[in-house]
Amino acid sequence: MKKLNILFLLLPLFVLSQEDDLLKEIDDTTVSENYEIAAFKGLKIVNFESTKMVPQKQLYFVVSHRFGSIKTGIEDFFGLDQAVTRLNFIYGITDGINLGVSRSSFQRTYESSLKLRLLRQKKGGIPFTVVLFNTVLLNTALDEEQLPELKFENRLGYTTQVLISKKLNPNLSLQIAPTYFHDNLVAIDEQENSQYSIGIGGRHKLTKRWSINMDYGLHLNRASNSPFKNPFSIGFDLETGGHVFQLHFTNAQPMNTNTFLGQATGDWSDGDVFFGFNLSRVF
């Protein structure tokens, strides 16, 4: 297993050894060579990465924000005072290879990512799109005074996902995301460092500019004494020119894959959910 974990960690390194108006992409159903496009408007469905790619030589800047739990009510201004922010830059090396780097205020986490498209849905050809998504993250919030034996590798975590999506018709797209993620240091003693989940998500187009999105992560080997929950999110996408604006409610405040899958604390049944948004800008 140790060799397997190292392989997943190094995978992005091994793999590495233009649109003027995004709205045009939404309205079209095909591009050159009859490929399907616009299965998803945003690079994320809500929390889960989507199969959408950044085009070659374009730079996307994504600002993600999660307020605190709305359950606190007016005392905490419905979570406004307890926000988490993530800044993410993604560059299209080619139409099928994206590199990203981000920083989240949750656990002061830095992350690098590699997104690689393997297959692309095509009318009369391949019936779905397959994208490989890999990340390596660094938790800089761990305190050496509280953890005197802390080593640099304890701060690391990484993820490998296979994103498989299909645009069923002009209005409906679905995705499944088998996921492996590993944290070198976990908060629950009984929790295995290597963890597995299945993500499912979808988008239904409501109007020319609006869609409703949902995604859910089923954790497959969560410790029996873990207080954390499976992440479930509902949101709306609005696209206007070069912007994608996503509004959503979720029970996971952190936004990196390892953290929203492994450390979601909210409970929908108790009204303990977080309002947030993702805003994308193309350069």
Protein backbone atom coordinates (compact mmCIF):
# COMPACT_ATOMS: atom_id res chain seq x y z
CA MET A 1 0.00 0.00 0.00
CA LYS A 2 2.87 2.38 0.75
CA LYS A 3 4.21 1.95 -2.80
CA LEU A 4 0.71 2.56 -4.16
CA ASN A 5 0.37 5.77 -2.15
CA ILE A 6 3.73 7.03 -3.44
CA LEU A 7 2.62 6.27 -6.99
CA PHE A 8 -0.53 8.34 -6.58
CA LEU A 9 1.51 11.18 -5.09
CA LEU A 10 3.93 11.27 -8.02
CA LEU A 11 1.36 10.67 -10.75
CA PRO A 12 0.95 14.35 -11.64
CA LEU A 13 4.71 14.66 -12.17
CA PHE A 14 4.83 11.60 -14.38
CA VAL A 15 2.01 12.74 -16.59
CA LEU A 16 3.58 16.15 -17.10
CA SER A 17 7.42 14.33 -17.83
CA GLN A 18 -10.22 29.89 -26.85
CA GLU A 19 -13.37 31.15 -26.33
CA ASP A 20 -14.29 34.92 -26.21
CA ASP A 21 -17.72 34.31 -24.73
CA LEU A 22 -18.57 31.33 -22.55
CA LEU A 23 -22.24 31.79 -23.28
CA LYS A 24 -21.66 30.67 -26.87
CA GLU A 25 -20.39 27.36 -25.54
CA ILE A 26 -23.59 26.82 -23.58
CA ASP A 27 -25.84 27.44 -26.57
CA ASP A 28 -23.90 25.21 -28.96
CA THR A 29 -24.18 21.42 -28.74
CA THR A 30 -21.17 20.48 -30.84
CA VAL A 31 -17.77 21.76 -31.85
CA SER A 32 -15.27 20.68 -34.45
CA GLU A 33 -15.24 16.94 -35.07
CA ASN A 34 -18.74 16.73 -33.57
CA TYR A 35 -17.63 16.63 -29.92
CA GLU A 36 -20.23 17.32 -27.26
CA ILE A 37 -19.51 20.39 -25.13
CA ALA A 38 -21.00 22.23 -22.15
CA ALA A 39 -21.89 19.14 -20.16
CA PHE A 40 -21.14 21.48 -17.23
CA LYS A 41 -20.83 25.26 -17.18
CA GLY A 42 -18.29 25.44 -14.37
CA LEU A 43 -15.06 23.65 -13.57
CA LYS A 44 -16.92 22.29 -10.54
CA ILE A 45 -20.41 20.83 -10.29
CA VAL A 46 -20.67 22.22 -6.76
CA ASN A 47 -17.90 20.68 -4.65
CA PHE A 48 -16.81 17.94 -7.04
CA GLU A 49 -14.62 18.74 -10.02
CA SER A 50 -16.47 18.49 -13.35
CA THR A 51 -15.13 17.22 -16.68
CA LYS A 52 -15.02 20.76 -18.07
CA MET A 53 -11.49 21.78 -19.13
CA VAL A 54 -9.77 25.16 -19.40
CA PRO A 55 -8.94 25.74 -23.09
CA GLN A 56 -5.33 25.96 -24.25
CA LYS A 57 -3.45 29.11 -23.21
CA GLN A 58 -6.33 30.40 -21.10
CA LEU A 59 -6.11 31.18 -17.40
CA TYR A 60 -9.10 30.79 -15.08
CA PHE A 61 -9.22 32.48 -11.71
CA VAL A 62 -11.80 30.89 -9.38
CA VAL A 63 -12.82 32.47 -6.08
CA SER A 64 -14.73 30.08 -3.80
CA HIS A 65 -16.40 31.17 -0.60
CA ARG A 66 -18.24 29.23 2.10
CA PHE A 67 -19.91 31.13 4.89
CA GLY A 68 -20.44 29.58 8.29
CA SER A 69 -23.50 27.51 9.14
CA ILE A 70 -26.81 29.25 8.58
CA LYS A 71 -28.04 27.43 11.70
CA THR A 72 -26.39 30.07 13.91
CA GLY A 73 -28.98 32.58 12.72
CA ILE A 74 -28.70 36.33 13.24
CA GLU A 75 -26.17 35.92 16.08
CA ASP A 76 -23.52 35.05 13.51
CA PHE A 77 -25.38 36.79 10.66
CA PHE A 78 -26.23 33.37 9.20
CA GLY A 79 -22.57 32.38 8.98
CA LEU A 80 -21.18 35.57 7.48
CA ASP A 81 -18.65 35.94 10.30
CA GLN A 82 -17.22 32.41 9.89
CA ALA A 83 -16.31 32.27 6.21
CA VAL A 84 -13.76 30.08 4.45
CA THR A 85 -12.17 31.31 1.20
CA ARG A 86 -10.28 29.50 -1.56
CA LEU A 87 -8.39 31.13 -4.44
CA ASN A 88 -7.59 28.90 -7.40
CA PHE A 89 -5.67 29.54 -10.64
CA ILE A 90 -6.01 27.01 -13.47
CA TYR A 91 -4.08 27.22 -16.74
CA GLY A 92 -4.71 25.29 -19.94
CA ILE A 93 -1.41 23.80 -21.10
CA THR A 94 -3.46 22.23 -23.90
CA ASP A 95 -7.20 21.73 -24.33
CA GLY A 96 -6.78 18.40 -22.53
CA ILE A 97 -4.15 19.22 -19.88
CA ASN A 98 -4.78 21.72 -17.08
CA LEU A 99 -2.54 22.77 -14.21
CA GLY A 100 -3.82 24.45 -11.08
CA VAL A 101 -2.60 25.97 -7.84
CA SER A 102 -4.75 27.16 -4.95
CA ARG A 103 -4.77 28.39 -1.39
CA SER A 104 -7.62 27.84 1.07
CA SER A 105 -8.07 29.49 4.44
CA PHE A 106 -9.34 26.15 5.82
CA GLN A 107 -6.28 24.70 7.58
CA ARG A 108 -4.26 27.21 5.51
CA THR A 109 -4.07 24.63 2.75
CA TYR A 110 -2.00 24.96 -0.43
CA GLU A 111 -2.78 22.63 -3.31
CA SER A 112 -1.47 21.82 -6.79
CA SER A 113 -3.60 19.97 -9.33
CA LEU A 114 -3.36 18.23 -12.67
CA LYS A 115 -6.40 17.59 -14.82
CA LEU A 116 -6.01 15.33 -17.84
CA ARG A 117 -8.74 14.50 -20.35
CA LEU A 118 -8.49 10.90 -21.57
CA LEU A 119 -11.69 10.52 -23.61
CA ARG A 120 -14.23 12.97 -24.99
CA GLN A 121 -17.90 12.40 -25.72
CA LYS A 122 -18.62 12.47 -29.43
CA LYS A 123 -21.80 12.06 -31.42
CA GLY A 124 -21.68 8.75 -33.20
CA GLY A 125 -18.51 7.83 -31.29
CA ILE A 126 -17.35 7.74 -27.66
CA PRO A 127 -20.50 7.92 -25.46
CA PHE A 128 -18.94 9.73 -22.48
CA THR A 129 -16.09 11.97 -21.34
CA VAL A 130 -13.35 10.67 -19.02
CA VAL A 131 -11.02 13.00 -17.13
CA LEU A 132 -8.28 12.13 -14.61
CA PHE A 133 -7.94 14.63 -11.76
CA ASN A 134 -5.00 14.58 -9.32
CA THR A 135 -4.07 16.86 -6.44
CA VAL A 136 -1.34 17.22 -3.85
CA LEU A 137 -2.12 19.40 -0.85
CA LEU A 138 -0.12 20.86 2.03
CA ASN A 139 -1.74 21.59 5.41
CA THR A 140 0.26 24.46 6.93
CA ALA A 141 -2.02 24.90 9.96
CA LEU A 142 -0.64 21.94 11.90
CA ASP A 143 1.10 23.20 15.04
CA GLU A 144 4.52 21.78 15.87
CA GLU A 145 4.10 22.80 19.53
CA GLN A 146 0.99 20.63 19.84
CA LEU A 147 2.48 17.89 17.64
CA PRO A 148 6.17 17.78 18.64
CA GLU A 149 6.87 14.77 16.41
CA LEU A 150 5.33 16.44 13.38
CA LYS A 151 7.22 15.90 10.11
CA PHE A 152 6.81 17.64 6.78
CA GLU A 153 5.25 14.55 5.18
CA ASN A 154 2.52 14.59 7.86
CA ARG A 155 1.23 17.79 6.29
CA LEU A 156 0.68 16.17 2.89
CA GLY A 157 -2.42 14.69 1.33
CA TYR A 158 -3.32 13.72 -2.20
CA THR A 159 -6.22 12.70 -4.39
CA THR A 160 -6.83 10.77 -7.58
CA GLN A 161 -10.25 10.89 -9.23
CA VAL A 162 -11.66 9.45 -12.42
CA LEU A 163 -14.40 11.80 -13.63
CA ILE A 164 -16.85 10.14 -16.04
CA SER A 165 -19.60 12.35 -17.45
CA LYS A 166 -22.28 12.05 -20.09
CA LYS A 167 -24.42 14.75 -21.64
CA LEU A 168 -27.71 12.90 -22.03
CA ASN A 169 -29.51 15.69 -23.88
CA PRO A 170 -29.17 19.49 -24.29
CA ASN A 171 -30.50 20.03 -20.75
CA LEU A 172 -29.22 17.13 -18.63
CA SER A 173 -25.68 15.99 -17.79
CA LEU A 174 -24.61 13.40 -15.22
CA GLN A 175 -21.24 12.44 -13.73
CA ILE A 176 -19.76 9.72 -11.54
CA ALA A 177 -16.40 10.13 -9.82
CA PRO A 178 -14.62 7.14 -8.22
CA THR A 179 -12.18 8.74 -5.80
CA TYR A 180 -9.09 7.72 -3.85
CA PHE A 181 -7.69 10.19 -1.35
CA HIS A 182 -4.99 9.88 1.27
CA ASP A 183 -4.06 12.02 4.26
CA ASN A 184 -0.73 11.29 5.92
CA LEU A 185 -2.23 12.55 9.19
CA VAL A 186 -5.89 11.94 10.11
CA ALA A 187 -7.87 13.41 13.01
CA ILE A 188 -9.58 10.13 13.98
CA ASP A 189 -7.33 7.33 15.24
CA GLU A 190 -9.54 4.59 13.77
CA GLN A 191 -9.69 6.28 10.36
CA GLU A 192 -7.51 4.73 7.68
CA ASN A 193 -5.15 7.15 5.96
CA SER A 194 -6.18 5.86 2.54
CA GLN A 195 -9.85 6.57 1.92
CA TYR A 196 -12.27 5.84 -0.91
CA SER A 197 -15.49 7.38 -2.13
CA ILE A 198 -17.90 7.51 -5.03
CA GLY A 199 -19.06 10.93 -6.15
CA ILE A 200 -22.22 11.44 -8.18
CA GLY A 201 -23.46 14.69 -9.62
CA GLY A 202 -25.50 16.31 -12.31
CA ARG A 203 -26.64 19.48 -13.99
CA HIS A 204 -30.06 20.31 -15.37
CA LYS A 205 -30.35 23.38 -17.58
CA LEU A 206 -33.28 25.61 -16.62
CA THR A 207 -32.85 28.53 -19.03
CA LYS A 208 -30.26 29.84 -21.46
CA ARG A 209 -28.17 31.12 -18.56
CA TRP A 210 -29.31 29.19 -15.47
CA SER A 211 -28.95 25.58 -14.36
CA ILE A 212 -29.48 23.62 -11.15
CA ASN A 213 -26.58 21.41 -9.99
CA MET A 214 -26.25 18.72 -7.34
CA ASP A 215 -23.46 16.46 -6.13
CA TYR A 216 -23.01 13.87 -3.37
CA GLY A 217 -20.00 11.96 -2.06
CA LEU A 218 -20.45 8.46 -0.61
CA HIS A 219 -17.49 7.70 1.68
CA LEU A 220 -16.75 3.96 1.49
CA ASN A 221 -14.47 3.37 4.50
CA ARG A 222 -15.25 6.07 7.04
CA ALA A 223 -14.38 5.13 10.62
CA SER A 224 -17.40 4.03 12.66
CA ASN A 225 -16.67 6.66 15.34
CA SER A 226 -16.12 9.50 12.87
CA PRO A 227 -18.23 12.64 13.43
CA PHE A 228 -17.94 13.64 9.77
CA LYS A 229 -20.70 13.35 7.16
CA ASN A 230 -21.04 12.54 3.48
CA PRO A 231 -21.10 15.82 1.52
CA PHE A 232 -24.33 16.73 -0.27
CA SER A 233 -24.68 19.99 -2.17
CA ILE A 234 -27.32 21.84 -4.20
CA GLY A 235 -26.55 24.90 -6.31
CA PHE A 236 -27.41 27.13 -9.22
CA ASP A 237 -25.10 28.20 -12.05
CA LEU A 238 -25.37 31.56 -13.80
CA GLU A 239 -23.20 32.31 -16.82
CA THR A 240 -22.82 35.80 -18.25
CA GLY A 241 -20.09 36.28 -20.83
CA GLY A 242 -16.71 35.50 -19.36
CA HIS A 243 -18.06 34.78 -15.87
CA VAL A 244 -19.50 31.66 -14.27
CA PHE A 245 -21.26 32.38 -10.97
CA GLN A 246 -22.29 29.40 -8.82
CA LEU A 247 -24.54 29.79 -5.77
CA HIS A 248 -25.04 26.80 -3.51
CA PHE A 249 -25.90 25.23 -0.19
CA THR A 250 -23.75 22.40 1.16
CA ASN A 251 -23.04 20.56 4.41
CA ALA A 252 -19.27 20.77 3.73
CA GLN A 253 -17.53 24.05 4.48
CA PRO A 254 -14.00 23.05 3.34
CA MET A 255 -13.44 22.95 -0.43
CA ASN A 256 -10.39 20.80 -1.23
CA THR A 257 -11.32 17.25 -2.24
CA ASN A 258 -9.68 15.62 0.78
CA THR A 259 -11.37 18.01 3.16
CA PHE A 260 -14.93 18.15 1.82
CA LEU A 261 -14.97 14.34 1.49
CA GLY A 262 -13.21 13.62 4.77
CA GLN A 263 -14.22 16.51 7.04
CA ALA A 264 -17.76 17.63 6.24
CA THR A 265 -19.44 18.53 9.55
CA GLY A 266 -22.86 19.85 8.55
CA ASP A 267 -26.15 17.97 8.79
CA TRP A 268 -28.98 18.78 6.39
CA SER A 269 -31.57 17.18 8.67
CA ASP A 270 -30.59 19.61 11.42
CA GLY A 271 -30.42 22.71 9.22
CA ASP A 272 -26.65 22.79 9.69
CA VAL A 273 -25.64 23.81 6.15
CA PHE A 274 -23.35 26.39 4.59
CA PHE A 275 -24.18 28.94 1.90
CA GLY A 276 -21.44 29.77 -0.58
CA PHE A 277 -20.43 30.59 -4.10
CA ASN A 278 -17.83 29.92 -6.80
CA LEU A 279 -16.96 32.76 -9.17
CA SER A 280 -14.84 32.11 -12.26
CA ARG A 281 -13.09 34.71 -14.39
CA VAL A 282 -11.32 33.98 -17.69
CA PHE A 283 -8.11 35.74 -18.70
